[in-house]
N, C-alpha and C. Protein backbone atom coordinates (compact mmCIF):
# COMPACT_ATOMS: atom_id res chain seq x y z
N UNK A 1 -12.82 -39.42 74.80
CA UNK A 1 -12.13 -38.24 74.26
C UNK A 1 -10.91 -37.96 75.10
N UNK A 2 -10.31 -36.86 74.93
CA UNK A 2 -9.07 -36.52 75.62
C UNK A 2 -9.37 -35.86 76.96
N UNK A 3 -9.21 -36.60 78.07
CA UNK A 3 -9.47 -36.06 79.39
C UNK A 3 -8.40 -35.07 79.83
N UNK A 4 -7.29 -35.00 79.12
CA UNK A 4 -6.22 -34.07 79.47
C UNK A 4 -6.54 -32.64 79.06
N UNK A 5 -7.47 -32.46 78.14
CA UNK A 5 -7.81 -31.12 77.66
C UNK A 5 -9.09 -30.65 78.35
N UNK A 6 -9.00 -29.65 79.21
CA UNK A 6 -10.21 -29.17 79.87
C UNK A 6 -11.10 -28.34 78.96
N UNK A 7 -10.51 -27.76 77.91
CA UNK A 7 -11.28 -26.96 76.96
C UNK A 7 -11.08 -27.49 75.55
N UNK A 8 -12.16 -27.48 74.80
CA UNK A 8 -12.13 -27.99 73.43
C UNK A 8 -12.50 -26.90 72.45
N UNK A 9 -11.89 -26.96 71.28
CA UNK A 9 -12.32 -26.09 70.18
C UNK A 9 -13.66 -26.60 69.66
N UNK A 10 -14.39 -25.74 68.99
CA UNK A 10 -15.71 -26.10 68.49
C UNK A 10 -15.65 -27.34 67.59
N UNK A 11 -14.61 -27.47 66.80
CA UNK A 11 -14.50 -28.61 65.89
C UNK A 11 -14.31 -29.94 66.64
N UNK A 12 -13.88 -29.87 67.90
CA UNK A 12 -13.67 -31.08 68.70
C UNK A 12 -14.91 -31.49 69.50
N UNK A 13 -15.84 -30.58 69.66
CA UNK A 13 -17.01 -30.81 70.51
C UNK A 13 -17.90 -31.96 70.00
N UNK A 14 -18.21 -32.05 68.71
CA UNK A 14 -19.08 -33.15 68.27
C UNK A 14 -18.55 -34.54 68.64
N UNK A 15 -17.27 -34.77 68.46
CA UNK A 15 -16.69 -36.07 68.80
C UNK A 15 -16.79 -36.33 70.30
N UNK A 16 -16.54 -35.30 71.11
CA UNK A 16 -16.63 -35.45 72.57
C UNK A 16 -18.05 -35.81 72.99
N UNK A 17 -19.04 -35.05 72.49
CA UNK A 17 -20.43 -35.30 72.88
C UNK A 17 -20.92 -36.66 72.40
N UNK A 18 -20.50 -37.07 71.21
CA UNK A 18 -20.89 -38.38 70.68
C UNK A 18 -20.27 -39.51 71.50
N UNK A 19 -18.99 -39.37 71.80
CA UNK A 19 -18.29 -40.44 72.52
C UNK A 19 -18.72 -40.54 73.97
N UNK A 20 -18.83 -39.40 74.64
CA UNK A 20 -19.12 -39.43 76.08
C UNK A 20 -20.60 -39.54 76.39
N UNK A 21 -21.46 -38.93 75.57
CA UNK A 21 -22.89 -38.86 75.88
C UNK A 21 -23.80 -39.49 74.84
N UNK A 22 -23.24 -39.86 73.70
CA UNK A 22 -24.07 -40.43 72.64
C UNK A 22 -24.96 -39.41 71.96
N UNK A 23 -24.58 -38.14 72.03
CA UNK A 23 -25.37 -37.07 71.44
C UNK A 23 -24.71 -36.64 70.13
N UNK A 24 -25.38 -36.89 69.01
CA UNK A 24 -24.82 -36.43 67.73
C UNK A 24 -25.15 -34.95 67.52
N UNK A 25 -24.16 -34.19 67.14
CA UNK A 25 -24.37 -32.77 66.84
C UNK A 25 -23.30 -32.35 65.83
N UNK A 26 -23.69 -31.53 64.91
CA UNK A 26 -22.77 -31.06 63.87
C UNK A 26 -22.14 -29.73 64.28
N UNK A 27 -20.97 -29.47 63.75
CA UNK A 27 -20.30 -28.19 64.00
C UNK A 27 -21.19 -27.05 63.52
N UNK A 28 -21.89 -27.25 62.40
CA UNK A 28 -22.79 -26.21 61.89
C UNK A 28 -23.90 -25.90 62.90
N UNK A 29 -24.38 -26.89 63.59
CA UNK A 29 -25.40 -26.68 64.61
C UNK A 29 -24.82 -25.90 65.78
N UNK A 30 -23.60 -26.24 66.20
CA UNK A 30 -22.95 -25.48 67.27
C UNK A 30 -22.74 -24.03 66.85
N UNK A 31 -22.37 -23.81 65.58
CA UNK A 31 -22.21 -22.45 65.07
C UNK A 31 -23.52 -21.68 65.20
N UNK A 32 -24.61 -22.29 64.81
CA UNK A 32 -25.91 -21.63 64.87
C UNK A 32 -26.31 -21.36 66.31
N UNK A 33 -26.14 -22.36 67.19
CA UNK A 33 -26.49 -22.16 68.59
C UNK A 33 -25.64 -21.08 69.24
N UNK A 34 -24.39 -20.94 68.81
CA UNK A 34 -23.54 -19.88 69.34
C UNK A 34 -24.08 -18.50 68.94
N UNK A 35 -24.77 -18.43 67.81
CA UNK A 35 -25.34 -17.16 67.34
C UNK A 35 -26.69 -16.86 67.96
N UNK A 36 -27.55 -17.87 68.02
CA UNK A 36 -28.93 -17.64 68.47
C UNK A 36 -29.17 -17.99 69.94
N UNK A 37 -28.23 -18.70 70.55
CA UNK A 37 -28.38 -19.12 71.93
C UNK A 37 -28.89 -20.54 72.02
N UNK A 38 -28.77 -21.09 73.22
CA UNK A 38 -29.25 -22.45 73.45
C UNK A 38 -28.17 -23.51 73.44
N UNK A 39 -26.97 -23.12 73.10
CA UNK A 39 -25.87 -24.06 73.07
C UNK A 39 -25.13 -24.09 74.39
N UNK A 40 -24.08 -24.89 74.46
CA UNK A 40 -23.28 -24.94 75.68
C UNK A 40 -22.53 -23.63 75.91
N UNK A 41 -22.22 -23.36 77.18
CA UNK A 41 -21.42 -22.17 77.50
C UNK A 41 -20.07 -22.26 76.82
N UNK A 42 -19.53 -21.10 76.47
CA UNK A 42 -18.22 -21.05 75.84
C UNK A 42 -17.46 -19.84 76.36
N UNK A 43 -16.16 -19.92 76.25
CA UNK A 43 -15.29 -18.78 76.55
C UNK A 43 -14.46 -18.54 75.29
N UNK A 44 -13.77 -17.43 75.27
CA UNK A 44 -12.97 -17.10 74.09
C UNK A 44 -11.51 -16.93 74.45
N UNK A 45 -10.67 -17.41 73.56
CA UNK A 45 -9.24 -17.10 73.59
C UNK A 45 -9.01 -16.30 72.31
N UNK A 46 -8.99 -14.99 72.45
CA UNK A 46 -8.98 -14.15 71.26
C UNK A 46 -10.30 -14.29 70.54
N UNK A 47 -10.25 -14.76 69.30
CA UNK A 47 -11.50 -14.96 68.55
C UNK A 47 -11.93 -16.42 68.51
N UNK A 48 -11.19 -17.29 69.20
CA UNK A 48 -11.47 -18.73 69.15
C UNK A 48 -12.36 -19.14 70.31
N UNK A 49 -13.57 -19.66 70.00
CA UNK A 49 -14.45 -20.14 71.07
C UNK A 49 -13.92 -21.46 71.64
N UNK A 50 -13.94 -21.55 72.96
CA UNK A 50 -13.51 -22.76 73.65
C UNK A 50 -14.63 -23.22 74.58
N UNK A 51 -14.79 -24.53 74.65
CA UNK A 51 -15.84 -25.14 75.45
C UNK A 51 -15.20 -25.97 76.56
N UNK A 52 -15.52 -25.65 77.81
CA UNK A 52 -15.00 -26.42 78.92
C UNK A 52 -15.79 -27.73 79.00
N UNK A 53 -15.10 -28.83 79.23
CA UNK A 53 -15.78 -30.13 79.23
C UNK A 53 -16.86 -30.21 80.31
N UNK A 54 -16.67 -29.54 81.44
CA UNK A 54 -17.72 -29.53 82.48
C UNK A 54 -19.00 -28.88 81.96
N UNK A 55 -18.84 -27.78 81.20
CA UNK A 55 -20.01 -27.11 80.62
C UNK A 55 -20.68 -27.98 79.56
N UNK A 56 -19.88 -28.70 78.78
CA UNK A 56 -20.44 -29.62 77.78
C UNK A 56 -21.22 -30.75 78.47
N UNK A 57 -20.66 -31.28 79.54
CA UNK A 57 -21.35 -32.35 80.28
C UNK A 57 -22.67 -31.85 80.86
N UNK A 58 -22.66 -30.65 81.41
CA UNK A 58 -23.90 -30.08 81.96
C UNK A 58 -24.93 -29.86 80.86
N UNK A 59 -24.51 -29.32 79.74
CA UNK A 59 -25.42 -29.06 78.63
C UNK A 59 -26.02 -30.37 78.12
N UNK A 60 -25.19 -31.40 78.01
CA UNK A 60 -25.66 -32.71 77.56
C UNK A 60 -26.69 -33.27 78.53
N UNK A 61 -26.44 -33.16 79.82
CA UNK A 61 -27.37 -33.66 80.83
C UNK A 61 -28.71 -32.95 80.75
N UNK A 62 -28.70 -31.66 80.44
CA UNK A 62 -29.93 -30.89 80.30
C UNK A 62 -30.74 -31.34 79.08
N UNK A 63 -30.09 -31.84 78.07
CA UNK A 63 -30.77 -32.26 76.84
C UNK A 63 -31.35 -33.66 76.92
N UNK A 64 -30.83 -34.48 77.83
CA UNK A 64 -31.28 -35.87 77.93
C UNK A 64 -32.50 -35.98 78.83
N UNK A 65 -33.43 -36.84 78.46
CA UNK A 65 -34.62 -37.05 79.27
C UNK A 65 -34.31 -38.01 80.41
N UNK A 66 -35.25 -38.14 81.31
CA UNK A 66 -35.18 -39.16 82.35
C UNK A 66 -35.36 -40.52 81.67
N UNK A 67 -34.84 -41.58 82.26
CA UNK A 67 -35.04 -42.92 81.67
C UNK A 67 -36.53 -43.29 81.65
N UNK A 68 -36.95 -43.93 80.57
CA UNK A 68 -38.34 -44.39 80.43
C UNK A 68 -38.34 -45.83 79.95
N UNK A 69 -39.42 -46.53 80.22
CA UNK A 69 -39.56 -47.92 79.79
C UNK A 69 -40.28 -48.04 78.46
N UNK A 70 -41.02 -47.01 78.08
CA UNK A 70 -41.72 -47.04 76.80
C UNK A 70 -41.90 -45.61 76.31
N UNK A 71 -42.27 -45.48 75.04
CA UNK A 71 -42.47 -44.16 74.48
C UNK A 71 -43.66 -43.46 75.13
N UNK A 72 -44.62 -44.22 75.65
CA UNK A 72 -45.76 -43.59 76.31
C UNK A 72 -45.40 -43.01 77.67
N UNK A 73 -44.26 -43.43 78.23
CA UNK A 73 -43.80 -42.89 79.51
C UNK A 73 -43.13 -41.52 79.34
N UNK A 74 -42.78 -41.20 78.14
CA UNK A 74 -42.05 -39.95 77.90
C UNK A 74 -42.99 -38.78 77.99
N UNK A 75 -42.64 -37.82 78.84
CA UNK A 75 -43.45 -36.62 78.99
C UNK A 75 -42.94 -35.55 78.03
N UNK A 76 -43.85 -34.87 77.39
CA UNK A 76 -43.50 -33.79 76.47
C UNK A 76 -43.41 -32.51 77.27
N UNK A 77 -42.27 -31.83 77.15
CA UNK A 77 -42.08 -30.58 77.91
C UNK A 77 -42.83 -29.44 77.29
């Protein structure tokens, strides 16, 4: 993605997360998470939500499990 932009608009976040972390997420899902909680941190410029790439990276890391060799190694939280 564009490393020159420290903050992304919500519409840019899915491409960033898919490219950098392999996490597919829809804009509609980000919209819902922004309402109910559980999504990445955001700041606002007026009414426009902006996501800092460091916050997106942290959120992605929290969603990913530890590496496993088989499905039986995966612990259910």
